[in-house]
Amino acid sequence: MRTLIVDDEPLARERLRALLAECDGVEVVGEAGNGADALAAAASLTPELVLLDIRMPGIDGLETARHLAGFPSPPAVVFCTAYGDHALEAFEASAVDYLLKPVRGERLRTALDKVRRWTAQGHARESAAPGAVRSHLCARVRGSLVLVPITDVHYLLAEDKYVVVHHRGGQVLIEEPLKALEDEFGPRFVRIHRNCLVAREHLTGLRRDTQGRLMAIVAGVDTPLEISRRNLPMLRKLIRTL
């Protein structure tokens, strides 16, 4: 079983590696000290199992698990944490098991058996649990993962089966429905057209173009964005409150 160890504490990673060395059929293919590095490692190493800490700087373990669930071949996730107060969130993130530190060898072997049964039954990991809100969007660019902080996003534009994420550093494509993004991020974005969501914090005003169409002015975006008639009354009301 190809396994990736993710923990921000080197000693914790060392302990897990030592325990796994005593387990048959397990190959540790890599380690990572934070969520962003874990996602990059998982994309390149394609582990079958990720042993994942929860409390880590930056992207925590719960959000990392939600991103892993969106991979083409998502690995099984077993959380390893010193805190017992995240168990419900962990299983909502489709974890196969939840281990408390210090992890005991016997308990780890039980978790590995669960993962083997889970894999043999052909389970597919589910995407983010209802109500879970990510701090980043994850895109694949030329074979590498790019994490875009949601606070850097100016607007989201649906094009065919993709959504183009226009952000502070440029743009990337993600394969997520625009409606799902609207539901997840709620009040952070406002719909200006059936195919476009704009970050409220970057919406600065409205302007009529030479053809008489009303356009949204978005900070950091050179070209104003078209507003549909259906969304115009709500946008006018929003602009008055900004």
Protein backbone atom coordinates (compact mmCIF):
# COMPACT_ATOMS: atom_id res chain seq x y z
CA MET A 1 0.00 0.00 0.00
CA ARG A 2 1.62 3.23 -1.18
CA THR A 3 1.45 5.65 1.75
CA LEU A 4 2.10 9.37 2.16
CA ILE A 5 2.76 10.75 5.67
CA VAL A 6 1.65 14.34 6.32
CA ASP A 7 2.44 16.09 9.61
CA ASP A 8 4.05 19.42 10.44
CA GLU A 9 6.08 17.77 13.23
CA PRO A 10 9.18 15.87 11.99
CA LEU A 11 9.17 13.62 15.08
CA ALA A 12 5.56 12.62 14.43
CA ARG A 13 6.41 11.73 10.82
CA GLU A 14 9.43 9.73 12.04
CA ARG A 15 7.29 7.80 14.52
CA LEU A 16 4.70 6.93 11.86
CA ARG A 17 7.41 5.83 9.45
CA ALA A 18 8.88 3.54 12.15
CA LEU A 19 5.47 2.04 12.94
CA LEU A 20 4.70 1.48 9.25
CA ALA A 21 8.03 -0.31 8.81
CA GLU A 22 6.64 -3.02 11.06
CA CYS A 23 3.49 -3.43 8.93
CA ASP A 24 3.43 -5.85 6.00
CA GLY A 25 2.53 -4.59 2.55
CA VAL A 26 3.10 -0.88 3.25
CA GLU A 27 5.49 1.35 1.30
CA VAL A 28 6.08 4.92 2.46
CA VAL A 29 6.43 6.86 -0.80
CA GLY A 30 6.83 10.32 0.68
CA GLU A 31 6.34 12.84 3.47
CA ALA A 32 5.00 16.38 3.69
CA GLY A 33 4.92 18.99 6.43
CA ASN A 34 1.86 20.99 5.37
CA GLY A 35 -1.29 20.77 3.30
CA ALA A 36 0.02 22.48 0.17
CA ASP A 37 3.07 20.20 0.00
CA ALA A 38 0.82 17.21 0.71
CA LEU A 39 -1.38 17.97 -2.30
CA ALA A 40 1.63 18.40 -4.56
CA ALA A 41 3.14 15.15 -3.30
CA ALA A 42 -0.14 13.27 -3.69
CA ALA A 43 -0.47 14.50 -7.27
CA SER A 44 3.01 13.28 -8.23
CA LEU A 45 3.31 10.15 -6.08
CA THR A 46 -0.31 8.84 -6.36
CA PRO A 47 -0.45 7.23 -2.91
CA GLU A 48 -3.21 4.81 -2.02
CA LEU A 49 -3.28 6.08 1.57
CA VAL A 50 -2.55 9.44 3.19
CA LEU A 51 -1.89 9.55 6.94
CA LEU A 52 -2.89 13.13 7.64
CA ASP A 53 -2.50 15.45 10.60
CA ILE A 54 -5.33 17.94 11.15
CA ARG A 55 -3.82 21.01 12.81
CA MET A 56 -1.16 22.31 10.44
CA PRO A 57 -0.17 25.84 9.36
CA GLY A 58 -1.76 27.16 6.17
CA ILE A 59 -4.12 24.62 4.66
CA ASP A 60 -5.13 22.32 7.50
CA GLY A 61 -5.74 18.59 7.27
CA LEU A 62 -9.50 18.83 6.87
CA GLU A 63 -9.24 21.12 3.86
CA THR A 64 -6.41 19.02 2.45
CA ALA A 65 -8.69 15.99 2.63
CA ARG A 66 -11.44 17.84 0.78
CA HIS A 67 -9.01 18.69 -2.03
CA LEU A 68 -7.74 15.09 -2.15
CA ALA A 69 -11.32 13.92 -2.60
CA GLY A 70 -11.40 15.79 -5.90
CA PHE A 71 -8.42 13.96 -7.36
CA PRO A 72 -9.06 11.62 -10.32
CA SER A 73 -8.02 8.63 -8.15
CA PRO A 74 -8.46 9.88 -4.60
CA PRO A 75 -6.44 8.12 -1.89
CA ALA A 76 -7.90 6.82 1.33
CA VAL A 77 -7.36 9.23 4.22
CA VAL A 78 -6.66 8.33 7.83
CA PHE A 79 -6.34 11.28 10.18
CA CYS A 80 -3.65 11.20 12.87
CA THR A 81 -4.11 13.96 15.44
CA ALA A 82 -3.49 14.82 19.06
CA TYR A 83 -7.00 16.28 19.36
CA GLY A 84 -10.21 14.32 19.63
CA ASP A 85 -12.55 17.23 18.91
CA HIS A 86 -12.38 16.94 15.11
CA ALA A 87 -13.69 13.39 14.74
CA LEU A 88 -17.08 14.37 13.31
CA GLU A 89 -15.53 16.77 10.80
CA ALA A 90 -13.00 14.11 9.85
CA PHE A 91 -15.63 11.53 8.98
CA GLU A 92 -17.69 14.17 7.18
CA ALA A 93 -14.56 14.64 5.05
CA SER A 94 -14.84 10.92 4.19
CA ALA A 95 -11.93 9.73 6.34
CA VAL A 96 -11.59 5.96 6.59
CA ASP A 97 -10.32 6.18 10.18
CA TYR A 98 -9.26 8.63 12.88
CA LEU A 99 -6.23 7.93 15.08
CA LEU A 100 -5.27 9.80 18.22
CA LYS A 101 -1.62 10.54 18.98
CA PRO A 102 0.52 8.97 20.20
CA VAL A 103 -0.48 6.41 17.59
CA ARG A 104 -0.13 2.80 18.78
CA GLY A 105 1.08 0.10 16.44
CA GLU A 106 -1.94 -2.13 17.03
CA ARG A 107 -4.38 0.70 16.37
CA LEU A 108 -2.49 1.66 13.20
CA ARG A 109 -2.68 -1.91 11.88
CA THR A 110 -6.43 -1.88 12.50
CA ALA A 111 -6.69 1.30 10.46
CA LEU A 112 -4.65 -0.23 7.64
CA ASP A 113 -7.00 -3.22 7.58
CA LYS A 114 -9.95 -0.83 7.27
CA VAL A 115 -8.25 0.90 4.35
CA ARG A 116 -7.64 -2.44 2.60
CA ARG A 117 -11.30 -3.41 2.98
CA TRP A 118 -12.39 0.06 1.86
CA THR A 119 -10.16 -0.20 -1.22
CA ALA A 120 -11.24 -3.77 -2.02
CA GLN A 121 -14.89 -2.72 -1.94
CA GLY A 122 -14.15 -0.10 -4.58
CA HIS A 123 -15.25 2.90 -2.57
CA ALA A 124 -14.75 6.32 -4.09
CA ARG A 125 -14.08 9.22 -1.80
CA GLU A 126 -16.78 11.87 -1.79
CA SER A 127 -16.21 15.53 -2.37
CA ALA A 128 -16.42 18.17 0.33
CA ALA A 129 -19.02 17.67 3.02
CA PRO A 130 -22.04 20.00 2.95
CA GLY A 131 -21.17 23.23 4.70
CA ALA A 132 -17.42 22.80 4.31
CA VAL A 133 -15.83 25.96 2.94
CA ARG A 134 -12.33 25.88 1.48
CA SER A 135 -9.78 28.64 1.82
CA HIS A 136 -8.19 27.79 -1.56
CA LEU A 137 -9.19 26.54 -4.99
CA CYS A 138 -7.05 23.77 -6.47
CA ALA A 139 -6.20 23.66 -10.18
CA ARG A 140 -3.90 21.55 -12.35
CA VAL A 141 -1.57 23.53 -14.58
CA ARG A 142 0.74 21.60 -16.91
CA GLY A 143 0.76 18.61 -14.59
CA SER A 144 1.33 20.61 -11.39
CA LEU A 145 -1.10 21.70 -8.72
CA VAL A 146 -1.79 25.40 -8.22
CA LEU A 147 -3.52 26.57 -5.05
CA VAL A 148 -5.34 29.90 -5.37
CA PRO A 149 -6.38 31.62 -2.12
CA ILE A 150 -10.08 32.35 -2.35
CA THR A 151 -9.33 35.89 -1.14
CA ASP A 152 -7.28 36.46 -4.32
CA VAL A 153 -10.14 35.56 -6.68
CA HIS A 154 -11.65 38.47 -8.61
CA TYR A 155 -14.31 36.53 -10.49
CA LEU A 156 -15.35 33.07 -11.69
CA LEU A 157 -16.47 32.55 -15.28
CA ALA A 158 -18.12 29.35 -16.51
CA GLU A 159 -16.94 28.17 -19.93
CA ASP A 160 -18.22 24.82 -21.21
CA LYS A 161 -17.42 22.20 -18.53
CA TYR A 162 -14.79 24.39 -16.86
CA VAL A 163 -14.77 27.43 -14.61
CA VAL A 164 -12.08 30.02 -15.29
CA VAL A 165 -10.74 31.41 -12.02
CA HIS A 166 -9.55 34.97 -12.59
CA HIS A 167 -7.32 35.87 -9.67
CA ARG A 168 -4.60 38.27 -8.60
CA GLY A 169 -1.87 36.19 -10.24
CA GLY A 170 -3.62 35.41 -13.53
CA GLN A 171 -6.16 32.72 -14.35
CA VAL A 172 -6.55 28.94 -14.06
CA LEU A 173 -9.18 26.38 -15.05
CA ILE A 174 -11.00 24.15 -12.58
CA GLU A 175 -13.54 21.40 -13.26
CA GLU A 176 -16.22 22.42 -10.76
CA PRO A 177 -19.79 23.59 -11.43
CA LEU A 178 -20.32 27.31 -10.97
CA LYS A 179 -23.47 26.64 -8.95
CA ALA A 180 -21.53 24.41 -6.52
CA LEU A 181 -18.97 27.18 -6.01
CA GLU A 182 -21.77 29.68 -5.43
CA ASP A 183 -23.35 27.38 -2.85
CA GLU A 184 -20.05 26.73 -1.08
CA PHE A 185 -18.76 30.28 -0.83
CA GLY A 186 -22.13 31.94 -0.30
CA PRO A 187 -21.94 35.67 0.45
CA ARG A 188 -18.32 36.02 -0.70
CA PHE A 189 -19.48 36.15 -4.35
CA VAL A 190 -22.38 37.76 -6.16
CA ARG A 191 -23.88 36.49 -9.42
CA ILE A 192 -23.90 39.11 -12.18
CA HIS A 193 -24.76 36.75 -15.04
CA ARG A 194 -25.77 33.13 -15.45
CA ASN A 195 -22.12 32.27 -16.15
CA CYS A 196 -20.29 34.69 -13.83
CA LEU A 197 -19.72 35.22 -10.11
CA VAL A 198 -17.83 38.28 -8.87
CA ALA A 199 -16.11 38.66 -5.51
CA ARG A 200 -18.11 41.22 -3.56
CA GLU A 201 -15.00 42.78 -2.06
CA HIS A 202 -13.65 43.51 -5.57
CA LEU A 203 -16.90 44.88 -7.02
CA THR A 204 -16.50 48.68 -7.15
CA GLY A 205 -19.35 49.95 -9.32
CA LEU A 206 -21.53 49.78 -12.43
CA ARG A 207 -21.00 51.43 -15.82
CA ARG A 208 -23.04 51.65 -19.02
CA ASP A 209 -21.05 50.86 -22.19
CA THR A 210 -21.40 52.44 -25.63
CA GLN A 211 -24.10 49.91 -26.55
CA GLY A 212 -26.18 50.78 -23.52
CA ARG A 213 -25.37 47.61 -21.56
CA LEU A 214 -24.70 47.85 -17.85
CA MET A 215 -21.31 46.43 -16.87
CA ALA A 216 -19.73 45.58 -13.53
CA ILE A 217 -16.45 47.29 -12.63
CA VAL A 218 -14.17 44.91 -10.75
CA ALA A 219 -11.00 46.03 -9.00
CA GLY A 220 -7.92 44.49 -10.61
CA VAL A 221 -9.80 43.61 -13.82
CA ASP A 222 -9.21 45.75 -16.92
CA THR A 223 -12.41 44.85 -18.80
CA PRO A 224 -15.85 45.49 -17.22
CA LEU A 225 -18.09 42.41 -17.02
CA GLU A 226 -21.57 42.18 -18.52
CA ILE A 227 -24.55 42.14 -16.15
CA SER A 228 -27.74 40.29 -17.04
CA ARG A 229 -31.10 42.03 -16.68
CA ARG A 230 -32.18 39.39 -14.19
CA ASN A 231 -29.33 40.21 -11.80
CA LEU A 232 -29.33 43.98 -12.26
CA PRO A 233 -31.86 45.00 -9.52
CA MET A 234 -29.98 43.04 -6.86
CA LEU A 235 -26.62 44.45 -8.00
CA ARG A 236 -27.91 48.03 -7.88
CA LYS A 237 -29.09 47.43 -4.34
CA LEU A 238 -25.73 45.89 -3.41
CA ILE A 239 -23.71 48.77 -4.90
CA ARG A 240 -25.66 51.26 -2.77
CA THR A 241 -24.52 49.42 0.37
CA LEU A 242 -20.82 49.25 -0.57
